[in-house]
Amino acid sequence: MTSRRDFFKISGILAGTTAASMTGVKSAKASSGPHLDADRVGVLCDFTQCLGCRRCEWACADNNDLPHGTQESYDDTSVFSEMRRPDEESFTVINQYEPSVGSDKPFHTKVNCLHCEHPACVSACIVGALEKNPHGPVTYDAWKCIGCRYCMIACPFQIPAYEYGDALTPRVMKCSLCAEKTLAEGGVPACVKICPQEAMVFGRRDELLKVARDRIATHPGRYNSHIYGEHEAGGTSWLYLADRPFTELDLPELGTVSPAVATEAIQHGIFRGFSGPIMLFGLISVIMKSAGKYGEAEWEDSNE
């Protein structure tokens, strides 16, 4: 049973949280995005080298303790009959397209979180559960998450997935660039490590851009001259090379400004004029009323 003392404890905690939120909003307003390390990492994915073996799917699932079968079970190509998206049980998927001109082999792409330079999902998260690491990865802290799913709405690539089947402790699920297990130990992402074709290269983002430009210059007939992710949505940690326009590969055509800029503008408008504290204290009232704690007897210290 909630006493008057407990009520004011809760109020004080939420008031402190509100003040911290206001400070954070002011700081965000003063910056143009996250502070990134000049040596931040990324992955260059060359779709022209992908064979569609799906070994990256298996390695990702295995490294992240997601449901999966044996490596051999990923030889099943029937999954290519429809376009797939990452979900709460698959952080990356391979899709199949028509062969390149002059080839009789299907063309394949890899779909996963692109780890944006100025992520809209991070900006949309009101509790800081998502964070852009200065070294590249966009990571997630389930303990902070309140399940609002604003990140899912904000992401221009429609990547974050939600564990709707878990009624008790649902999480937002997505690729972390193997930051928790692999990058922290100085390794490479599991999908990159297992690729038999070396279709993916892990390294410093600026160096990967040089590699991509060199490949386009050396083999102009093989590649579309566009490096996807160099500028899209403000830039991404994953960079793509292909033989055709990326719109034909179901990648969105985006501008060079991150959607986070618009998201932050909305947040600043909401919190301006202390509307944030008003909403929080209104929430306290709703919680207390719904719990039936507004009776005078409930406020007596004798009940403590």
C-alpha atoms as a PDB file:
ATOM      1  CA  MET A   1       0.000   0.000   0.000  1.00  0.00           C
ATOM      2  CA  THR A   2       1.465   3.354  -1.034  1.00  0.00           C
ATOM      3  CA  SER A   3       1.888   5.888   1.778  1.00  0.00           C
ATOM      4  CA  ARG A   4       2.251   9.637   1.553  1.00  0.00           C
ATOM      5  CA  ARG A   5       5.974   9.274   2.142  1.00  0.00           C
ATOM      6  CA  ASP A   6       6.323   6.780  -0.701  1.00  0.00           C
ATOM      7  CA  PHE A   7       4.321   9.062  -2.951  1.00  0.00           C
ATOM      8  CA  PHE A   8       6.692  11.968  -2.395  1.00  0.00           C
ATOM      9  CA  LYS A   9       9.666   9.664  -2.882  1.00  0.00           C
ATOM     10  CA  ILE A  10       8.301   8.689  -6.288  1.00  0.00           C
ATOM     11  CA  SER A  11       7.558  12.311  -7.083  1.00  0.00           C
ATOM     12  CA  GLY A  12      11.084  13.340  -6.170  1.00  0.00           C
ATOM     13  CA  ILE A  13      12.634  10.639  -8.300  1.00  0.00           C
ATOM     14  CA  LEU A  14      10.531  11.568 -11.322  1.00  0.00           C
ATOM     15  CA  ALA A  15      11.249  15.247 -10.795  1.00  0.00           C
ATOM     16  CA  GLY A  16      14.957  14.506 -10.820  1.00  0.00           C
ATOM     17  CA  THR A  17      14.540  12.414 -13.938  1.00  0.00           C
ATOM     18  CA  THR A  18      12.689  15.269 -15.600  1.00  0.00           C
ATOM     19  CA  ALA A  19      15.444  17.738 -14.756  1.00  0.00           C
ATOM     20  CA  ALA A  20      18.004  15.372 -16.200  1.00  0.00           C
ATOM     21  CA  SER A  21      15.868  14.952 -19.316  1.00  0.00           C
ATOM     22  CA  MET A  22      15.671  18.714 -19.746  1.00  0.00           C
ATOM     23  CA  THR A  23      19.444  18.996 -19.469  1.00  0.00           C
ATOM     24  CA  GLY A  24      19.855  16.230 -22.018  1.00  0.00           C
ATOM     25  CA  VAL A  25      17.483  17.921 -24.441  1.00  0.00           C
ATOM     26  CA  LYS A  26      19.356  21.191 -24.143  1.00  0.00           C
ATOM     27  CA  SER A  27      22.634  19.386 -24.803  1.00  0.00           C
ATOM     28  CA  ALA A  28      21.171  17.598 -27.823  1.00  0.00           C
ATOM     29  CA  LYS A  29      19.825  20.861 -29.164  1.00  0.00           C
ATOM     30  CA  ALA A  30      23.281  22.381 -29.027  1.00  0.00           C
ATOM     31  CA  SER A  31      24.834  19.563 -31.049  1.00  0.00           C
ATOM     32  CA  SER A  32      24.346  18.384 -34.607  1.00  0.00           C
ATOM     33  CA  GLY A  33      24.575  14.706 -33.730  1.00  0.00           C
ATOM     34  CA  PRO A  34      26.647  12.190 -31.785  1.00  0.00           C
ATOM     35  CA  HIS A  35      30.342  12.774 -31.303  1.00  0.00           C
ATOM     36  CA  LEU A  36      32.069  10.139 -33.436  1.00  0.00           C
ATOM     37  CA  ASP A  37      35.619   8.829 -33.345  1.00  0.00           C
ATOM     38  CA  ALA A  38      37.685   9.590 -36.442  1.00  0.00           C
ATOM     39  CA  ASP A  39      38.741   5.922 -36.443  1.00  0.00           C
ATOM     40  CA  ARG A  40      35.215   4.545 -36.122  1.00  0.00           C
ATOM     41  CA  VAL A  41      34.601   1.202 -37.771  1.00  0.00           C
ATOM     42  CA  GLY A  42      32.152  -0.134 -40.298  1.00  0.00           C
ATOM     43  CA  VAL A  43      31.602  -2.824 -42.906  1.00  0.00           C
ATOM     44  CA  LEU A  44      31.819  -2.634 -46.689  1.00  0.00           C
ATOM     45  CA  CYS A  45      29.432  -5.190 -48.184  1.00  0.00           C
ATOM     46  CA  ASP A  46      29.980  -5.977 -51.865  1.00  0.00           C
ATOM     47  CA  PHE A  47      26.760  -7.521 -53.116  1.00  0.00           C
ATOM     48  CA  THR A  48      28.422  -8.552 -56.392  1.00  0.00           C
ATOM     49  CA  GLN A  49      30.507 -11.081 -54.437  1.00  0.00           C
ATOM     50  CA  CYS A  50      27.677 -12.573 -52.372  1.00  0.00           C
ATOM     51  CA  LEU A  51      26.681 -16.135 -53.319  1.00  0.00           C
ATOM     52  CA  GLY A  52      23.607 -16.311 -51.094  1.00  0.00           C
ATOM     53  CA  CYS A  53      25.044 -19.130 -48.963  1.00  0.00           C
ATOM     54  CA  ARG A  54      23.381 -17.662 -45.863  1.00  0.00           C
ATOM     55  CA  ARG A  55      26.336 -18.582 -43.642  1.00  0.00           C
ATOM     56  CA  CYS A  56      26.215 -15.031 -42.290  1.00  0.00           C
ATOM     57  CA  GLU A  57      22.652 -15.660 -41.124  1.00  0.00           C
ATOM     58  CA  TRP A  58      23.775 -18.730 -39.185  1.00  0.00           C
ATOM     59  CA  ALA A  59      26.822 -17.006 -37.661  1.00  0.00           C
ATOM     60  CA  CYS A  60      24.729 -14.032 -36.570  1.00  0.00           C
ATOM     61  CA  ALA A  61      22.126 -16.244 -34.909  1.00  0.00           C
ATOM     62  CA  ASP A  62      24.771 -18.378 -33.242  1.00  0.00           C
ATOM     63  CA  ASN A  63      26.745 -15.407 -31.929  1.00  0.00           C
ATOM     64  CA  ASN A  64      23.638 -13.674 -30.572  1.00  0.00           C
ATOM     65  CA  ASP A  65      21.975 -16.750 -29.059  1.00  0.00           C
ATOM     66  CA  LEU A  66      19.043 -16.556 -31.462  1.00  0.00           C
ATOM     67  CA  PRO A  67      17.035 -19.598 -32.603  1.00  0.00           C
ATOM     68  CA  HIS A  68      18.877 -21.456 -35.378  1.00  0.00           C
ATOM     69  CA  GLY A  69      19.617 -24.849 -36.826  1.00  0.00           C
ATOM     70  CA  THR A  70      22.829 -26.337 -38.180  1.00  0.00           C
ATOM     71  CA  GLN A  71      24.945 -24.565 -40.781  1.00  0.00           C
ATOM     72  CA  GLU A  72      23.764 -27.112 -43.334  1.00  0.00           C
ATOM     73  CA  SER A  73      20.125 -26.177 -42.696  1.00  0.00           C
ATOM     74  CA  TYR A  74      20.913 -22.739 -44.109  1.00  0.00           C
ATOM     75  CA  ASP A  75      21.536 -24.294 -47.514  1.00  0.00           C
ATOM     76  CA  ASP A  76      17.758 -24.137 -47.938  1.00  0.00           C
ATOM     77  CA  THR A  77      17.135 -21.722 -50.811  1.00  0.00           C
ATOM     78  CA  SER A  78      13.352 -21.945 -50.635  1.00  0.00           C
ATOM     79  CA  VAL A  79      13.435 -18.897 -48.328  1.00  0.00           C
ATOM     80  CA  PHE A  80      14.305 -16.803 -51.383  1.00  0.00           C
ATOM     81  CA  SER A  81      10.796 -17.228 -52.762  1.00  0.00           C
ATOM     82  CA  GLU A  82       9.813 -14.046 -50.925  1.00  0.00           C
ATOM     83  CA  MET A  83      11.514 -10.907 -49.685  1.00  0.00           C
ATOM     84  CA  ARG A  84      12.457 -11.112 -46.022  1.00  0.00           C
ATOM     85  CA  ARG A  85      13.160  -8.574 -43.308  1.00  0.00           C
ATOM     86  CA  PRO A  86      15.146  -8.894 -40.076  1.00  0.00           C
ATOM     87  CA  ASP A  87      12.927  -9.691 -37.104  1.00  0.00           C
ATOM     88  CA  GLU A  88      13.167 -10.505 -33.400  1.00  0.00           C
ATOM     89  CA  GLU A  89      14.743 -13.892 -34.179  1.00  0.00           C
ATOM     90  CA  SER A  90      16.905 -12.930 -37.169  1.00  0.00           C
ATOM     91  CA  PHE A  91      19.170  -9.887 -37.100  1.00  0.00           C
ATOM     92  CA  THR A  92      20.246 -10.337 -40.723  1.00  0.00           C
ATOM     93  CA  VAL A  93      18.730 -11.999 -43.787  1.00  0.00           C
ATOM     94  CA  ILE A  94      19.771 -12.636 -47.377  1.00  0.00           C
ATOM     95  CA  ASN A  95      17.401 -11.841 -50.244  1.00  0.00           C
ATOM     96  CA  GLN A  96      17.611 -12.926 -53.881  1.00  0.00           C
ATOM     97  CA  TYR A  97      17.123 -10.870 -57.071  1.00  0.00           C
ATOM     98  CA  GLU A  98      17.351 -11.330 -60.810  1.00  0.00           C
ATOM     99  CA  PRO A  99      20.819 -12.120 -62.211  1.00  0.00           C
ATOM    100  CA  SER A 100      23.133  -9.359 -63.340  1.00  0.00           C
ATOM    101  CA  VAL A 101      23.313  -8.566 -67.031  1.00  0.00           C
ATOM    102  CA  GLY A 102      25.330 -11.288 -68.769  1.00  0.00           C
ATOM    103  CA  SER A 103      25.076 -13.682 -65.836  1.00  0.00           C
ATOM    104  CA  ASP A 104      22.835 -16.651 -65.119  1.00  0.00           C
ATOM    105  CA  LYS A 105      23.438 -16.609 -61.348  1.00  0.00           C
ATOM    106  CA  PRO A 106      20.956 -14.933 -58.995  1.00  0.00           C
ATOM    107  CA  PHE A 107      21.984 -11.695 -57.307  1.00  0.00           C
ATOM    108  CA  HIS A 108      21.888 -11.509 -53.508  1.00  0.00           C
ATOM    109  CA  THR A 109      21.763  -8.781 -50.873  1.00  0.00           C
ATOM    110  CA  LYS A 110      22.240  -8.750 -47.116  1.00  0.00           C
ATOM    111  CA  VAL A 111      19.772  -6.866 -44.904  1.00  0.00           C
ATOM    112  CA  ASN A 112      20.623  -5.732 -41.369  1.00  0.00           C
ATOM    113  CA  CYS A 113      20.956  -2.623 -39.208  1.00  0.00           C
ATOM    114  CA  LEU A 114      23.151  -0.082 -41.005  1.00  0.00           C
ATOM    115  CA  HIS A 115      24.321   1.603 -37.781  1.00  0.00           C
ATOM    116  CA  CYS A 116      23.672   5.158 -38.903  1.00  0.00           C
ATOM    117  CA  GLU A 117      26.138   7.919 -38.122  1.00  0.00           C
ATOM    118  CA  HIS A 118      23.307  10.042 -36.649  1.00  0.00           C
ATOM    119  CA  PRO A 119      20.701   7.389 -35.854  1.00  0.00           C
ATOM    120  CA  ALA A 120      17.022   8.302 -35.858  1.00  0.00           C
ATOM    121  CA  CYS A 121      16.317   5.398 -33.503  1.00  0.00           C
ATOM    122  CA  VAL A 122      18.736   6.777 -30.911  1.00  0.00           C
ATOM    123  CA  SER A 123      17.262  10.247 -31.202  1.00  0.00           C
ATOM    124  CA  ALA A 124      13.713   8.924 -30.867  1.00  0.00           C
ATOM    125  CA  CYS A 125      14.457   6.882 -27.741  1.00  0.00           C
ATOM    126  CA  ILE A 126      13.278   8.956 -24.787  1.00  0.00           C
ATOM    127  CA  VAL A 127      15.124   6.916 -22.143  1.00  0.00           C
ATOM    128  CA  GLY A 128      18.523   6.384 -23.769  1.00  0.00           C
ATOM    129  CA  ALA A 129      18.105   2.645 -24.300  1.00  0.00           C
ATOM    130  CA  LEU A 130      19.696   2.998 -27.738  1.00  0.00           C
ATOM    131  CA  GLU A 131      23.103   4.596 -28.051  1.00  0.00           C
ATOM    132  CA  LYS A 132      25.490   5.420 -30.883  1.00  0.00           C
ATOM    133  CA  ASN A 133      28.936   4.268 -29.810  1.00  0.00           C
ATOM    134  CA  PRO A 134      31.618   6.767 -30.955  1.00  0.00           C
ATOM    135  CA  HIS A 135      33.428   3.812 -32.554  1.00  0.00           C
ATOM    136  CA  GLY A 136      30.491   2.924 -34.807  1.00  0.00           C
ATOM    137  CA  PRO A 137      27.938   0.443 -33.407  1.00  0.00           C
ATOM    138  CA  VAL A 138      24.430   1.408 -32.366  1.00  0.00           C
ATOM    139  CA  THR A 139      23.829  -0.587 -29.181  1.00  0.00           C
ATOM    140  CA  TYR A 140      20.772  -1.340 -27.043  1.00  0.00           C
ATOM    141  CA  ASP A 141      20.285  -1.552 -23.272  1.00  0.00           C
ATOM    142  CA  ALA A 142      17.197  -3.629 -22.504  1.00  0.00           C
ATOM    143  CA  TRP A 143      17.230  -2.551 -18.846  1.00  0.00           C
ATOM    144  CA  LYS A 144      16.491   1.055 -19.828  1.00  0.00           C
ATOM    145  CA  CYS A 145      13.885   0.256 -22.479  1.00  0.00           C
ATOM    146  CA  ILE A 146      10.247   1.026 -21.645  1.00  0.00           C
ATOM    147  CA  GLY A 147       8.839  -0.571 -24.795  1.00  0.00           C
ATOM    148  CA  CYS A 148       7.515   2.627 -26.396  1.00  0.00           C
ATOM    149  CA  ARG A 149       8.790   1.438 -29.806  1.00  0.00           C
ATOM    150  CA  TYR A 150       9.411   4.967 -31.057  1.00  0.00           C
ATOM    151  CA  CYS A 151      12.686   3.633 -32.476  1.00  0.00           C
ATOM    152  CA  MET A 152      10.753   1.330 -34.783  1.00  0.00           C
ATOM    153  CA  ILE A 153       8.758   4.236 -36.161  1.00  0.00           C
ATOM    154  CA  ALA A 154      11.811   6.471 -36.536  1.00  0.00           C
ATOM    155  CA  CYS A 155      14.131   4.052 -38.374  1.00  0.00           C
ATOM    156  CA  PRO A 156      14.121   4.835 -42.124  1.00  0.00           C
ATOM    157  CA  PHE A 157      15.259   1.259 -42.837  1.00  0.00           C
ATOM    158  CA  GLN A 158      12.526  -0.420 -40.727  1.00  0.00           C
ATOM    159  CA  ILE A 159      15.055  -2.503 -38.812  1.00  0.00           C
ATOM    160  CA  PRO A 160      14.260  -2.621 -35.065  1.00  0.00           C
ATOM    161  CA  ALA A 161      11.933  -5.518 -34.210  1.00  0.00           C
ATOM    162  CA  TYR A 162       9.940  -6.106 -31.030  1.00  0.00           C
ATOM    163  CA  GLU A 163       9.440  -9.303 -29.055  1.00  0.00           C
ATOM    164  CA  TYR A 164       5.649  -9.227 -29.126  1.00  0.00           C
ATOM    165  CA  GLY A 165       5.580 -12.878 -28.093  1.00  0.00           C
ATOM    166  CA  ASP A 166       7.288 -12.132 -24.767  1.00  0.00           C
ATOM    167  CA  ALA A 167       4.652 -10.706 -22.436  1.00  0.00           C
ATOM    168  CA  LEU A 168       6.960 -10.236 -19.447  1.00  0.00           C
ATOM    169  CA  THR A 169      10.297  -8.891 -20.655  1.00  0.00           C
ATOM    170  CA  PRO A 170       9.960  -7.927 -24.342  1.00  0.00           C
ATOM    171  CA  ARG A 171      12.976  -6.333 -25.981  1.00  0.00           C
ATOM    172  CA  VAL A 172      13.733  -4.354 -29.102  1.00  0.00           C
ATOM    173  CA  MET A 173      15.899  -6.612 -31.228  1.00  0.00           C
ATOM    174  CA  LYS A 174      18.460  -5.692 -33.866  1.00  0.00           C
ATOM    175  CA  CYS A 175      22.050  -6.181 -34.973  1.00  0.00           C
ATOM    176  CA  SER A 176      24.633  -4.617 -32.632  1.00  0.00           C
ATOM    177  CA  LEU A 177      27.610  -5.064 -34.993  1.00  0.00           C
ATOM    178  CA  CYS A 178      28.664  -7.743 -32.499  1.00  0.00           C
ATOM    179  CA  ALA A 179      29.813  -4.961 -30.169  1.00  0.00           C
ATOM    180  CA  GLU A 180      29.098  -6.882 -26.960  1.00  0.00           C
ATOM    181  CA  LYS A 181      31.110  -9.997 -27.753  1.00  0.00           C
ATOM    182  CA  THR A 182      33.331  -9.429 -30.735  1.00  0.00           C
ATOM    183  CA  LEU A 183      34.325  -5.788 -31.132  1.00  0.00           C
ATOM    184  CA  ALA A 184      35.061  -5.473 -27.421  1.00  0.00           C
ATOM    185  CA  GLU A 185      37.612  -8.258 -27.859  1.00  0.00           C
ATOM    186  CA  GLY A 186      39.250  -6.717 -30.906  1.00  0.00           C
ATOM    187  CA  GLY A 187      37.689  -9.124 -33.398  1.00  0.00           C
ATOM    188  CA  VAL A 188      35.303  -8.693 -36.300  1.00  0.00           C
ATOM    189  CA  PRO A 189      31.531  -9.196 -36.607  1.00  0.00           C
ATOM    190  CA  ALA A 190      30.490 -12.838 -36.841  1.00  0.00           C
ATOM    191  CA  CYS A 191      28.878 -12.414 -40.256  1.00  0.00           C
ATOM    192  CA  VAL A 192      32.056 -10.888 -41.694  1.00  0.00           C
ATOM    193  CA  LYS A 193      34.276 -13.559 -40.193  1.00  0.00           C
ATOM    194  CA  ILE A 194      32.365 -16.510 -41.640  1.00  0.00           C
ATOM    195  CA  CYS A 195      31.766 -15.225 -45.182  1.00  0.00           C
ATOM    196  CA  PRO A 196      33.508 -17.687 -47.573  1.00  0.00           C
ATOM    197  CA  GLN A 197      33.525 -15.151 -50.414  1.00  0.00           C
ATOM    198  CA  GLU A 198      34.890 -12.292 -48.321  1.00  0.00           C
ATOM    199  CA  ALA A 199      31.984 -10.239 -49.617  1.00  0.00           C
ATOM    200  CA  MET A 200      32.298  -8.130 -46.474  1.00  0.00           C
ATOM    201  CA  VAL A 201      35.284  -6.125 -45.280  1.00  0.00           C
ATOM    202  CA  PHE A 202      35.470  -4.827 -41.710  1.00  0.00           C
ATOM    203  CA  GLY A 203      37.614  -1.812 -40.845  1.00  0.00           C
ATOM    204  CA  ARG A 204      37.772   1.927 -40.402  1.00  0.00           C
ATOM    205  CA  ARG A 205      34.916   3.638 -42.214  1.00  0.00           C
ATOM    206  CA  ASP A 206      37.164   6.128 -43.986  1.00  0.00           C
ATOM    207  CA  GLU A 207      39.378   3.316 -45.263  1.00  0.00           C
ATOM    208  CA  LEU A 208      36.359   1.321 -46.441  1.00  0.00           C
ATOM    209  CA  LEU A 209      35.201   4.279 -48.521  1.00  0.00           C
ATOM    210  CA  LYS A 210      38.629   4.335 -50.194  1.00  0.00           C
ATOM    211  CA  VAL A 211      38.366   0.607 -50.933  1.00  0.00           C
ATOM    212  CA  ALA A 212      34.887   1.075 -52.403  1.00  0.00           C
ATOM    213  CA  ARG A 213      35.986   3.943 -54.649  1.00  0.00           C
ATOM    214  CA  ASP A 214      38.992   1.953 -55.813  1.00  0.00           C
ATOM    215  CA  ARG A 215      36.819  -1.021 -56.781  1.00  0.00           C
ATOM    216  CA  ILE A 216      34.445   1.197 -58.742  1.00  0.00           C
ATOM    217  CA  ALA A 217      37.350   2.887 -60.547  1.00  0.00           C
ATOM    218  CA  THR A 218      39.103  -0.411 -61.298  1.00  0.00           C
ATOM    219  CA  HIS A 219      35.979  -2.274 -62.465  1.00  0.00           C
ATOM    220  CA  PRO A 220      33.568   0.376 -63.764  1.00  0.00           C
ATOM    221  CA  GLY A 221      31.537  -2.178 -65.709  1.00  0.00           C
ATOM    222  CA  ARG A 222      30.908  -4.266 -62.633  1.00  0.00           C
ATOM    223  CA  TYR A 223      29.585  -1.631 -60.286  1.00  0.00           C
ATOM    224  CA  ASN A 224      26.999   1.056 -60.067  1.00  0.00           C
ATOM    225  CA  SER A 225      29.106   4.108 -59.109  1.00  0.00           C
ATOM    226  CA  HIS A 226      26.971   4.816 -56.042  1.00  0.00           C
ATOM    227  CA  ILE A 227      28.283   3.797 -52.593  1.00  0.00           C
ATOM    228  CA  TYR A 228      25.127   3.306 -50.554  1.00  0.00           C
ATOM    229  CA  GLY A 229      25.547   4.555 -47.000  1.00  0.00           C
ATOM    230  CA  GLU A 230      28.245   7.100 -47.719  1.00  0.00           C
ATOM    231  CA  HIS A 231      25.720   9.930 -47.418  1.00  0.00           C
ATOM    232  CA  GLU A 232      22.255   8.347 -47.028  1.00  0.00           C
ATOM    233  CA  ALA A 233      20.461   9.512 -43.871  1.00  0.00           C
ATOM    234  CA  GLY A 234      23.582  11.368 -42.815  1.00  0.00           C
ATOM    235  CA  GLY A 235      25.832   8.378 -43.478  1.00  0.00           C
ATOM    236  CA  THR A 236      25.899   4.804 -42.150  1.00  0.00           C
ATOM    237  CA  SER A 237      28.518   2.420 -40.757  1.00  0.00           C
ATOM    238  CA  TRP A 238      27.523  -0.220 -43.301  1.00  0.00           C
ATOM    239  CA  LEU A 239      28.431   0.631 -46.892  1.00  0.00           C
ATOM    240  CA  TYR A 240      27.042  -1.198 -49.937  1.00  0.00           C
ATOM    241  CA  LEU A 241      28.308  -1.815 -53.453  1.00  0.00           C
ATOM    242  CA  ALA A 242      26.087  -3.267 -56.192  1.00  0.00           C
ATOM    243  CA  ASP A 243      25.769  -3.597 -59.960  1.00  0.00           C
ATOM    244  CA  ARG A 244      22.451  -1.714 -60.187  1.00  0.00           C
ATOM    245  CA  PRO A 245      20.560   1.199 -58.628  1.00  0.00           C
ATOM    246  CA  PHE A 246      19.856   0.468 -54.981  1.00  0.00           C
ATOM    247  CA  THR A 247      16.183   1.299 -55.373  1.00  0.00           C
ATOM    248  CA  GLU A 248      15.965  -1.923 -57.403  1.00  0.00           C
ATOM    249  CA  LEU A 249      17.259  -3.744 -54.318  1.00  0.00           C
ATOM    250  CA  ASP A 250      14.521  -2.399 -52.039  1.00  0.00           C
ATOM    251  CA  LEU A 251      16.779   0.091 -50.294  1.00  0.00           C
ATOM    252  CA  PRO A 252      15.090   3.447 -49.645  1.00  0.00           C
ATOM    253  CA  GLU A 253      16.143   6.539 -51.545  1.00  0.00           C
ATOM    254  CA  LEU A 254      17.119   8.939 -48.764  1.00  0.00           C
ATOM    255  CA  GLY A 255      18.571  12.404 -48.530  1.00  0.00           C
ATOM    256  CA  THR A 256      21.879  13.308 -46.940  1.00  0.00           C
ATOM    257  CA  VAL A 257      20.297  14.694 -43.756  1.00  0.00           C
ATOM    258  CA  SER A 258      19.523  12.258 -40.960  1.00  0.00           C
ATOM    259  CA  PRO A 259      15.843  11.830 -40.028  1.00  0.00           C
ATOM    260  CA  ALA A 260      17.085  12.356 -36.462  1.00  0.00           C
ATOM    261  CA  VAL A 261      17.263  16.081 -37.157  1.00  0.00           C
ATOM    262  CA  ALA A 262      13.470  16.202 -37.521  1.00  0.00           C
ATOM    263  CA  THR A 263      12.972  13.873 -34.556  1.00  0.00           C
ATOM    264  CA  GLU A 264      15.055  16.080 -32.292  1.00  0.00           C
ATOM    265  CA  ALA A 265      13.197  19.185 -33.410  1.00  0.00           C
ATOM    266  CA  ILE A 266       9.910  17.564 -32.333  1.00  0.00           C
ATOM    267  CA  GLN A 267      11.358  16.511 -28.987  1.00  0.00           C
ATOM    268  CA  HIS A 268      12.659  20.008 -28.321  1.00  0.00           C
ATOM    269  CA  GLY A 269       9.221  21.409 -29.024  1.00  0.00           C
ATOM    270  CA  ILE A 270       7.590  18.980 -26.603  1.00  0.00           C
ATOM    271  CA  PHE A 271       9.957  19.730 -23.743  1.00  0.00           C
ATOM    272  CA  ARG A 272      10.113  23.474 -24.316  1.00  0.00           C
ATOM    273  CA  GLY A 273       8.245  25.401 -21.602  1.00  0.00           C
ATOM    274  CA  PHE A 274       8.442  22.532 -19.080  1.00  0.00           C
ATOM    275  CA  SER A 275       5.664  20.547 -20.729  1.00  0.00           C
ATOM    276  CA  GLY A 276       7.774  17.462 -19.926  1.00  0.00           C
ATOM    277  CA  PRO A 277       7.451  17.916 -16.135  1.00  0.00           C
ATOM    278  CA  ILE A 278       3.743  18.641 -16.489  1.00  0.00           C
ATOM    279  CA  MET A 279       3.228  15.366 -18.332  1.00  0.00           C
ATOM    280  CA  LEU A 280       5.269  13.420 -15.792  1.00  0.00           C
ATOM    281  CA  PHE A 281       3.407  14.741 -12.787  1.00  0.00           C
ATOM    282  CA  GLY A 282       0.156  14.151 -14.616  1.00  0.00           C
ATOM    283  CA  LEU A 283       1.305  10.562 -15.017  1.00  0.00           C
ATOM    284  CA  ILE A 284       1.825  10.316 -11.252  1.00  0.00           C
ATOM    285  CA  SER A 285      -1.769  11.379 -10.689  1.00  0.00           C
ATOM    286  CA  VAL A 286      -3.099   8.821 -13.154  1.00  0.00           C
ATOM    287  CA  ILE A 287      -1.061   6.044 -11.547  1.00  0.00           C
ATOM    288  CA  MET A 288      -2.196   6.921  -8.042  1.00  0.00           C
ATOM    289  CA  LYS A 289      -5.835   7.305  -9.047  1.00  0.00           C
ATOM    290  CA  SER A 290      -5.942   4.025 -10.937  1.00  0.00           C
ATOM    291  CA  ALA A 291      -4.512   2.260  -7.892  1.00  0.00           C
ATOM    292  CA  GLY A 292      -7.221   3.731  -5.686  1.00  0.00           C
ATOM    293  CA  LYS A 293      -4.842   5.691  -3.503  1.00  0.00           C
ATOM    294  CA  TYR A 294      -6.749   8.943  -3.349  1.00  0.00           C
ATOM    295  CA  GLY A 295      -8.759   8.066  -0.241  1.00  0.00           C
ATOM    296  CA  GLU A 296      -7.960  10.258   2.722  1.00  0.00           C
ATOM    297  CA  ALA A 297      -7.193   7.233   4.848  1.00  0.00           C
ATOM    298  CA  GLU A 298      -4.439   6.221   2.495  1.00  0.00           C
ATOM    299  CA  TRP A 299      -2.544   9.405   3.269  1.00  0.00           C
ATOM    300  CA  GLU A 300      -2.380   8.815   7.004  1.00  0.00           C
ATOM    301  CA  ASP A 301       1.078   8.112   8.344  1.00  0.00           C
ATOM    302  CA  SER A 302      -0.417   5.421  10.527  1.00  0.00           C
ATOM    303  CA  ASN A 303      -0.641   3.242   7.453  1.00  0.00           C
ATOM    304  CA  GLU A 304       3.064   3.463   6.785  1.00  0.00           C
END
